[in-house]
Each structure stands twice: as structure tokens, then as C-alpha cells.
Amino acid sequence: MFKMIKIFIAIMMIIYVYKAIGPSNVNAFIKDTGQAIKSSLK
């Protein structure tokens, strides 16, 4: 249950950042985030 809340907060933060930086920087941001997630899962 607590893990679900943490995931939800993380998603909300990602949406907030996405809106803050604007679409032009999003692709680079997603690439960085994807690599960070992959490295944290290892």
C-alpha cells in the first residue's frame, strides 16, 4: 500500500516537472530518467 503511494507521488512529480520544463526539453529528460530507472533496477 505504501509503495503505491510512493509511486503515485513519483508520477505526480514527473508530471509537474514535465509541465515546468516544457515539451522542448522533455525528450532529453525522458531519456535521462529512463536510464536512471534502469540503473536503479539493477
C-alpha atoms as a PDB file:
ATOM      1  CA  MET A   1       0.000   0.000   0.000  1.00  0.00           C
ATOM      2  CA  PHE A   2       2.728   2.455   0.987  1.00  0.00           C
ATOM      3  CA  LYS A   3       4.673   1.571  -2.167  1.00  0.00           C
ATOM      4  CA  MET A   4       1.632   2.536  -4.266  1.00  0.00           C
ATOM      5  CA  ILE A   5       1.554   5.951  -2.573  1.00  0.00           C
ATOM      6  CA  LYS A   6       5.267   6.475  -3.295  1.00  0.00           C
ATOM      7  CA  ILE A   7       4.746   5.521  -6.966  1.00  0.00           C
ATOM      8  CA  PHE A   8       1.783   7.915  -7.190  1.00  0.00           C
ATOM      9  CA  ILE A   9       3.846  10.763  -5.717  1.00  0.00           C
ATOM     10  CA  ALA A  10       6.659   9.985  -8.170  1.00  0.00           C
ATOM     11  CA  ILE A  11       4.215  10.124 -11.110  1.00  0.00           C
ATOM     12  CA  MET A  12       2.804  13.443  -9.897  1.00  0.00           C
ATOM     13  CA  MET A  13       6.331  14.865  -9.607  1.00  0.00           C
ATOM     14  CA  ILE A  14       7.161  13.689 -13.133  1.00  0.00           C
ATOM     15  CA  ILE A  15       4.009  15.376 -14.479  1.00  0.00           C
ATOM     16  CA  TYR A  16       4.875  18.577 -12.597  1.00  0.00           C
ATOM     17  CA  VAL A  17       8.428  18.619 -13.951  1.00  0.00           C
ATOM     18  CA  TYR A  18       7.130  17.796 -17.449  1.00  0.00           C
ATOM     19  CA  LYS A  19       4.890  20.866 -17.345  1.00  0.00           C
ATOM     20  CA  ALA A  20       7.623  23.011 -15.788  1.00  0.00           C
ATOM     21  CA  ILE A  21      10.365  22.315 -18.364  1.00  0.00           C
ATOM     22  CA  GLY A  22       8.111  22.336 -21.413  1.00  0.00           C
ATOM     23  CA  PRO A  23       7.893  19.928 -24.380  1.00  0.00           C
ATOM     24  CA  SER A  24      11.187  21.010 -25.986  1.00  0.00           C
ATOM     25  CA  ASN A  25      13.323  19.500 -23.212  1.00  0.00           C
ATOM     26  CA  VAL A  26      11.081  16.524 -22.466  1.00  0.00           C
ATOM     27  CA  ASN A  27      12.722  14.013 -24.819  1.00  0.00           C
ATOM     28  CA  ALA A  28      16.156  14.501 -23.226  1.00  0.00           C
ATOM     29  CA  PHE A  29      14.575  14.409 -19.765  1.00  0.00           C
ATOM     30  CA  ILE A  30      12.750  11.140 -20.518  1.00  0.00           C
ATOM     31  CA  LYS A  31      15.968   9.596 -21.838  1.00  0.00           C
ATOM     32  CA  ASP A  32      17.855  10.581 -18.663  1.00  0.00           C
ATOM     33  CA  THR A  33      15.003   9.375 -16.434  1.00  0.00           C
ATOM     34  CA  GLY A  34      14.749   6.069 -18.299  1.00  0.00           C
ATOM     35  CA  GLN A  35      18.464   5.415 -17.838  1.00  0.00           C
ATOM     36  CA  ALA A  36      18.245   6.364 -14.146  1.00  0.00           C
ATOM     37  CA  ILE A  37      15.331   3.952 -13.648  1.00  0.00           C
ATOM     38  CA  LYS A  38      17.186   1.164 -15.488  1.00  0.00           C
ATOM     39  CA  SER A  39      20.316   1.667 -13.362  1.00  0.00           C
ATOM     40  CA  SER A  40      18.276   1.730 -10.129  1.00  0.00           C
ATOM     41  CA  LEU A  41      16.521  -1.532 -11.066  1.00  0.00           C
ATOM     42  CA  LYS A  42      19.818  -3.397 -11.472  1.00  0.00           C
END
